[in-house]
N, C-alpha and C. Protein backbone atom coordinates (compact mmCIF):
# COMPACT_ATOMS: atom_id res chain seq x y z
N MET A 1 -24.19 248.28 144.49
CA MET A 1 -23.53 249.13 143.51
C MET A 1 -23.55 248.47 142.13
N TYR A 2 -23.21 247.17 142.08
CA TYR A 2 -23.21 246.41 140.83
C TYR A 2 -24.28 245.34 140.90
N ALA A 3 -24.53 244.73 139.75
CA ALA A 3 -25.41 243.56 139.73
C ALA A 3 -24.77 242.47 140.60
N ASP A 4 -25.60 241.62 141.17
CA ASP A 4 -25.10 240.57 142.07
C ASP A 4 -24.02 239.71 141.42
N SER A 5 -24.20 239.39 140.14
CA SER A 5 -23.23 238.52 139.47
C SER A 5 -21.88 239.20 139.33
N ILE A 6 -21.86 240.51 139.08
CA ILE A 6 -20.60 241.25 138.99
C ILE A 6 -19.97 241.37 140.37
N GLU A 7 -20.78 241.67 141.35
CA GLU A 7 -20.29 241.78 142.73
C GLU A 7 -19.67 240.45 143.18
N ASN A 8 -20.31 239.35 142.83
CA ASN A 8 -19.80 238.03 143.17
C ASN A 8 -18.46 237.77 142.48
N LEU A 9 -18.34 238.15 141.22
CA LEU A 9 -17.09 237.97 140.48
C LEU A 9 -15.97 238.78 141.13
N VAL A 10 -16.24 240.02 141.48
CA VAL A 10 -15.24 240.88 142.14
C VAL A 10 -14.84 240.27 143.49
N THR A 11 -15.82 239.80 144.24
CA THR A 11 -15.54 239.19 145.54
C THR A 11 -14.64 237.97 145.40
N GLU A 12 -14.96 237.11 144.44
CA GLU A 12 -14.16 235.89 144.25
C GLU A 12 -12.75 236.21 143.76
N LEU A 13 -12.62 237.16 142.85
CA LEU A 13 -11.29 237.55 142.36
C LEU A 13 -10.45 238.16 143.46
N SER A 14 -11.08 238.91 144.35
CA SER A 14 -10.33 239.57 145.43
C SER A 14 -9.83 238.58 146.48
N LYS A 15 -10.29 237.34 146.43
CA LYS A 15 -9.79 236.30 147.34
C LYS A 15 -8.43 235.76 146.90
N LEU A 16 -8.05 236.05 145.66
CA LEU A 16 -6.75 235.58 145.16
C LEU A 16 -5.63 236.36 145.83
N PRO A 17 -4.49 235.71 146.10
CA PRO A 17 -3.39 236.41 146.76
C PRO A 17 -2.87 237.56 145.91
N GLY A 18 -2.66 238.70 146.55
CA GLY A 18 -2.12 239.86 145.86
C GLY A 18 -3.15 240.65 145.07
N ILE A 19 -4.41 240.23 145.12
CA ILE A 19 -5.47 240.92 144.38
C ILE A 19 -6.37 241.64 145.38
N GLY A 20 -6.28 242.95 145.38
CA GLY A 20 -7.14 243.75 146.24
C GLY A 20 -8.46 244.05 145.54
N ALA A 21 -9.30 244.83 146.19
CA ALA A 21 -10.63 245.13 145.66
C ALA A 21 -10.56 245.87 144.32
N LYS A 22 -9.67 246.85 144.21
CA LYS A 22 -9.58 247.62 142.96
C LYS A 22 -9.08 246.76 141.80
N THR A 23 -8.06 245.95 142.07
CA THR A 23 -7.55 245.07 141.01
C THR A 23 -8.60 244.04 140.63
N ALA A 24 -9.31 243.51 141.60
CA ALA A 24 -10.38 242.55 141.32
C ALA A 24 -11.46 243.19 140.45
N GLN A 25 -11.77 244.43 140.74
CA GLN A 25 -12.77 245.16 139.95
C GLN A 25 -12.27 245.34 138.51
N ARG A 26 -11.00 245.73 138.35
CA ARG A 26 -10.44 245.90 137.00
C ARG A 26 -10.45 244.58 136.24
N LEU A 27 -10.06 243.50 136.90
CA LEU A 27 -10.07 242.19 136.25
C LEU A 27 -11.49 241.78 135.86
N ALA A 28 -12.43 241.99 136.75
CA ALA A 28 -13.82 241.63 136.47
C ALA A 28 -14.33 242.36 135.23
N PHE A 29 -14.09 243.66 135.17
CA PHE A 29 -14.58 244.41 134.01
C PHE A 29 -13.82 244.06 132.74
N TYR A 30 -12.55 243.71 132.87
CA TYR A 30 -11.78 243.27 131.71
C TYR A 30 -12.39 241.97 131.16
N ILE A 31 -12.68 241.04 132.05
CA ILE A 31 -13.28 239.77 131.64
C ILE A 31 -14.64 239.99 131.01
N LEU A 32 -15.46 240.84 131.63
CA LEU A 32 -16.81 241.08 131.14
C LEU A 32 -16.83 241.85 129.82
N LYS A 33 -15.84 242.70 129.62
CA LYS A 33 -15.76 243.50 128.40
C LYS A 33 -15.31 242.67 127.20
N GLY A 34 -14.54 241.63 127.46
CA GLY A 34 -14.01 240.79 126.38
C GLY A 34 -15.06 239.84 125.83
N PRO A 35 -14.67 239.10 124.81
CA PRO A 35 -15.59 238.13 124.21
C PRO A 35 -15.98 237.03 125.21
N GLU A 36 -17.20 236.57 125.10
CA GLU A 36 -17.67 235.50 125.99
C GLU A 36 -16.80 234.26 125.85
N SER A 37 -16.30 234.02 124.64
CA SER A 37 -15.46 232.84 124.41
C SER A 37 -14.19 232.89 125.25
N GLU A 38 -13.62 234.08 125.44
CA GLU A 38 -12.41 234.22 126.26
C GLU A 38 -12.72 233.97 127.73
N ALA A 39 -13.85 234.45 128.19
CA ALA A 39 -14.26 234.21 129.59
C ALA A 39 -14.48 232.72 129.82
N LYS A 40 -15.07 232.05 128.84
CA LYS A 40 -15.30 230.61 128.96
C LYS A 40 -13.98 229.85 128.95
N LYS A 41 -13.02 230.30 128.13
CA LYS A 41 -11.70 229.65 128.10
C LYS A 41 -10.99 229.79 129.44
N LEU A 42 -11.08 230.98 130.03
CA LEU A 42 -10.47 231.21 131.34
C LEU A 42 -11.11 230.31 132.40
N ALA A 43 -12.43 230.30 132.44
CA ALA A 43 -13.14 229.48 133.42
C ALA A 43 -12.82 228.00 133.21
N SER A 44 -12.77 227.57 131.97
CA SER A 44 -12.47 226.18 131.66
C SER A 44 -11.04 225.81 132.07
N ALA A 45 -10.10 226.71 131.85
CA ALA A 45 -8.71 226.45 132.23
C ALA A 45 -8.57 226.29 133.74
N ILE A 46 -9.29 227.11 134.49
CA ILE A 46 -9.25 227.02 135.95
C ILE A 46 -9.84 225.69 136.42
N VAL A 47 -11.00 225.34 135.90
CA VAL A 47 -11.67 224.10 136.29
C VAL A 47 -10.82 222.89 135.90
N LYS A 48 -10.27 222.90 134.69
CA LYS A 48 -9.46 221.77 134.22
C LYS A 48 -8.21 221.60 135.08
N ALA A 49 -7.54 222.70 135.39
CA ALA A 49 -6.34 222.63 136.23
C ALA A 49 -6.69 222.05 137.60
N LYS A 50 -7.81 222.48 138.18
CA LYS A 50 -8.22 221.96 139.49
C LYS A 50 -8.55 220.47 139.42
N GLU A 51 -9.20 220.05 138.34
CA GLU A 51 -9.58 218.64 138.20
C GLU A 51 -8.37 217.74 137.98
N LEU A 52 -7.40 218.20 137.21
CA LEU A 52 -6.26 217.36 136.84
C LEU A 52 -5.10 217.44 137.81
N MET A 53 -5.05 218.49 138.62
CA MET A 53 -3.93 218.71 139.53
C MET A 53 -3.87 217.62 140.59
N ARG A 54 -2.65 217.14 140.80
CA ARG A 54 -2.39 216.18 141.88
C ARG A 54 -0.97 216.40 142.35
N PHE A 55 -0.57 215.69 143.37
CA PHE A 55 0.79 215.80 143.87
C PHE A 55 1.60 214.62 143.39
N CYS A 56 2.82 214.90 142.96
CA CYS A 56 3.75 213.87 142.53
C CYS A 56 3.92 212.85 143.66
N LYS A 57 3.89 211.58 143.32
CA LYS A 57 4.00 210.54 144.35
C LYS A 57 5.40 210.46 144.95
N VAL A 58 6.37 211.09 144.29
CA VAL A 58 7.75 211.05 144.76
C VAL A 58 8.09 212.28 145.60
N CYS A 59 7.84 213.48 145.05
CA CYS A 59 8.33 214.71 145.69
C CYS A 59 7.23 215.65 146.18
N TYR A 60 5.98 215.39 145.80
CA TYR A 60 4.82 216.22 146.16
C TYR A 60 4.75 217.55 145.43
N ASN A 61 5.45 217.65 144.29
CA ASN A 61 5.29 218.81 143.42
C ASN A 61 3.91 218.71 142.76
N ILE A 62 3.40 219.82 142.27
CA ILE A 62 2.12 219.80 141.55
C ILE A 62 2.37 219.26 140.15
N THR A 63 1.51 218.35 139.72
CA THR A 63 1.63 217.75 138.39
C THR A 63 0.26 217.28 137.93
N ASP A 64 0.18 216.89 136.67
CA ASP A 64 -1.06 216.28 136.19
C ASP A 64 -0.84 214.80 135.89
N LYS A 65 0.32 214.29 136.34
CA LYS A 65 0.66 212.88 136.16
C LYS A 65 0.94 212.26 137.53
N GLU A 66 1.18 210.97 137.54
CA GLU A 66 1.51 210.31 138.81
C GLU A 66 2.86 210.79 139.34
N THR A 67 3.83 210.94 138.42
CA THR A 67 5.17 211.41 138.76
C THR A 67 5.45 212.66 137.95
N CYS A 68 5.96 213.70 138.58
CA CYS A 68 6.21 214.96 137.87
C CYS A 68 7.38 214.80 136.89
N ASP A 69 7.49 215.74 135.96
CA ASP A 69 8.53 215.69 134.94
C ASP A 69 9.93 215.73 135.55
N ILE A 70 10.10 216.45 136.64
CA ILE A 70 11.43 216.54 137.27
C ILE A 70 11.83 215.19 137.84
N CYS A 71 10.95 214.54 138.56
CA CYS A 71 11.27 213.23 139.14
C CYS A 71 11.44 212.16 138.05
N ALA A 72 10.73 212.30 136.95
CA ALA A 72 10.81 211.33 135.86
C ALA A 72 12.03 211.53 134.97
N ASP A 73 12.70 212.66 135.10
CA ASP A 73 13.85 212.98 134.25
C ASP A 73 15.09 212.22 134.72
N SER A 74 15.53 211.25 133.94
CA SER A 74 16.68 210.42 134.31
C SER A 74 17.99 211.20 134.28
N ARG A 75 18.00 212.38 133.67
CA ARG A 75 19.21 213.21 133.64
C ARG A 75 19.41 213.98 134.94
N ARG A 76 18.42 213.98 135.79
CA ARG A 76 18.52 214.68 137.08
C ARG A 76 19.35 213.88 138.07
N ASP A 77 20.06 214.58 138.92
CA ASP A 77 20.89 213.97 139.96
C ASP A 77 19.98 213.49 141.10
N ASP A 78 19.94 212.18 141.31
CA ASP A 78 19.09 211.59 142.36
C ASP A 78 19.63 211.83 143.76
N ILE A 79 20.88 212.21 143.87
CA ILE A 79 21.51 212.35 145.19
C ILE A 79 21.33 213.75 145.76
N THR A 80 21.29 214.75 144.88
CA THR A 80 21.15 216.14 145.32
C THR A 80 19.67 216.47 145.47
N LEU A 81 19.30 216.98 146.64
CA LEU A 81 17.89 217.25 146.94
C LEU A 81 17.76 218.61 147.60
N ILE A 82 16.85 219.42 147.07
CA ILE A 82 16.50 220.68 147.72
C ILE A 82 15.10 220.50 148.31
N ILE A 83 14.95 220.85 149.56
CA ILE A 83 13.64 220.78 150.21
C ILE A 83 13.05 222.18 150.19
N VAL A 84 11.84 222.29 149.62
CA VAL A 84 11.18 223.59 149.48
C VAL A 84 9.83 223.57 150.19
N GLU A 85 9.34 224.77 150.45
CA GLU A 85 8.07 224.90 151.16
C GLU A 85 6.87 224.62 150.25
N GLU A 86 6.89 225.20 149.04
CA GLU A 86 5.75 225.09 148.13
C GLU A 86 6.23 224.86 146.71
N PRO A 87 5.35 224.33 145.83
CA PRO A 87 5.73 224.12 144.44
C PRO A 87 6.22 225.38 143.72
N LYS A 88 5.70 226.54 144.10
CA LYS A 88 6.13 227.77 143.45
C LYS A 88 7.62 228.04 143.69
N ASP A 89 8.18 227.50 144.76
CA ASP A 89 9.60 227.66 145.03
C ASP A 89 10.44 226.91 143.99
N ILE A 90 9.93 225.80 143.49
CA ILE A 90 10.62 225.05 142.44
C ILE A 90 10.72 225.90 141.18
N VAL A 91 9.66 226.60 140.85
CA VAL A 91 9.66 227.45 139.66
C VAL A 91 10.77 228.48 139.75
N SER A 92 10.93 229.10 140.90
CA SER A 92 11.98 230.11 141.08
C SER A 92 13.37 229.51 140.88
N ILE A 93 13.60 228.34 141.44
CA ILE A 93 14.91 227.70 141.31
C ILE A 93 15.15 227.25 139.88
N GLU A 94 14.14 226.69 139.25
CA GLU A 94 14.28 226.20 137.87
C GLU A 94 14.55 227.33 136.88
N LYS A 95 14.04 228.53 137.15
CA LYS A 95 14.28 229.68 136.27
C LYS A 95 15.76 230.02 136.20
N ILE A 96 16.49 229.77 137.27
CA ILE A 96 17.93 230.05 137.29
C ILE A 96 18.64 229.13 136.30
N GLY A 97 18.20 227.89 136.21
CA GLY A 97 18.71 226.96 135.21
C GLY A 97 19.97 226.20 135.57
N ASP A 98 20.53 226.40 136.75
CA ASP A 98 21.78 225.73 137.12
C ASP A 98 21.59 224.46 137.94
N TYR A 99 20.46 224.30 138.59
CA TYR A 99 20.25 223.17 139.48
C TYR A 99 19.79 221.95 138.68
N ARG A 100 20.45 220.82 138.87
CA ARG A 100 20.11 219.59 138.14
C ARG A 100 19.69 218.46 139.06
N GLY A 101 19.47 218.77 140.33
CA GLY A 101 19.03 217.75 141.28
C GLY A 101 17.51 217.64 141.30
N LYS A 102 17.02 217.06 142.37
CA LYS A 102 15.58 216.88 142.54
C LYS A 102 15.10 217.67 143.75
N TYR A 103 13.81 217.58 144.03
CA TYR A 103 13.19 218.39 145.08
C TYR A 103 12.34 217.51 145.98
N HIS A 104 12.02 218.07 147.14
CA HIS A 104 10.96 217.54 148.00
C HIS A 104 10.15 218.75 148.47
N VAL A 105 8.85 218.70 148.24
CA VAL A 105 7.97 219.82 148.58
C VAL A 105 7.22 219.50 149.87
N LEU A 106 7.41 220.34 150.87
CA LEU A 106 6.77 220.12 152.18
C LEU A 106 5.29 220.48 152.18
N GLN A 107 4.85 221.30 151.25
CA GLN A 107 3.46 221.78 151.20
C GLN A 107 3.11 222.61 152.43
N GLY A 108 4.06 223.39 152.91
CA GLY A 108 3.82 224.26 154.04
C GLY A 108 5.08 224.48 154.84
N ALA A 109 4.94 225.17 155.95
CA ALA A 109 6.07 225.47 156.82
C ALA A 109 5.69 225.17 158.27
N ILE A 110 6.67 224.77 159.03
CA ILE A 110 6.44 224.55 160.46
C ILE A 110 6.11 225.90 161.10
N SER A 111 5.01 225.93 161.83
CA SER A 111 4.57 227.16 162.48
C SER A 111 3.90 226.81 163.81
N PRO A 112 4.68 226.77 164.89
CA PRO A 112 4.10 226.43 166.19
C PRO A 112 2.95 227.35 166.59
N ILE A 113 3.03 228.61 166.20
CA ILE A 113 1.96 229.56 166.53
C ILE A 113 0.64 229.14 165.90
N ASP A 114 0.72 228.60 164.66
CA ASP A 114 -0.48 228.16 163.96
C ASP A 114 -0.79 226.68 164.20
N GLY A 115 0.00 226.04 165.05
CA GLY A 115 -0.23 224.63 165.34
C GLY A 115 0.21 223.69 164.24
N VAL A 116 1.16 224.12 163.40
CA VAL A 116 1.66 223.29 162.31
C VAL A 116 3.03 222.76 162.70
N GLY A 117 3.09 221.45 162.90
CA GLY A 117 4.35 220.80 163.24
C GLY A 117 4.82 219.93 162.10
N PRO A 118 5.94 219.25 162.26
CA PRO A 118 6.49 218.40 161.20
C PRO A 118 5.51 217.32 160.73
N GLU A 119 4.68 216.83 161.64
CA GLU A 119 3.74 215.77 161.26
C GLU A 119 2.64 216.25 160.31
N GLU A 120 2.41 217.55 160.22
CA GLU A 120 1.41 218.09 159.29
C GLU A 120 1.98 218.33 157.90
N LEU A 121 3.28 218.24 157.75
CA LEU A 121 3.93 218.48 156.47
C LEU A 121 4.21 217.15 155.78
N ARG A 122 4.58 217.25 154.51
CA ARG A 122 4.87 216.03 153.74
C ARG A 122 6.31 215.69 153.91
């Protein structure tokens, strides 16, 4: 139906969570319709984030440093700890603005059906 390169773009976009075939198609055409410089900026931002992303050595949050900003913040309460499944859960809690403790990110959930036990988590 489309050129191979467009079909490939739609296929790759549709692999993103919450992006179905129609949304992937709309995104692909939006990207292709815009200036080439914007498409290059988007591609560069994705590649750069992937290259620089690492896990905080303390809590396993996503960061581009050895220790994330939350763990490095001396104003945070070291005694209060919330254990979350994924880094995106931290974003939700931080948006509320009331929590001043720290976090520990498991990077997943225990799922005996999928063979994921405590030893597979952080």
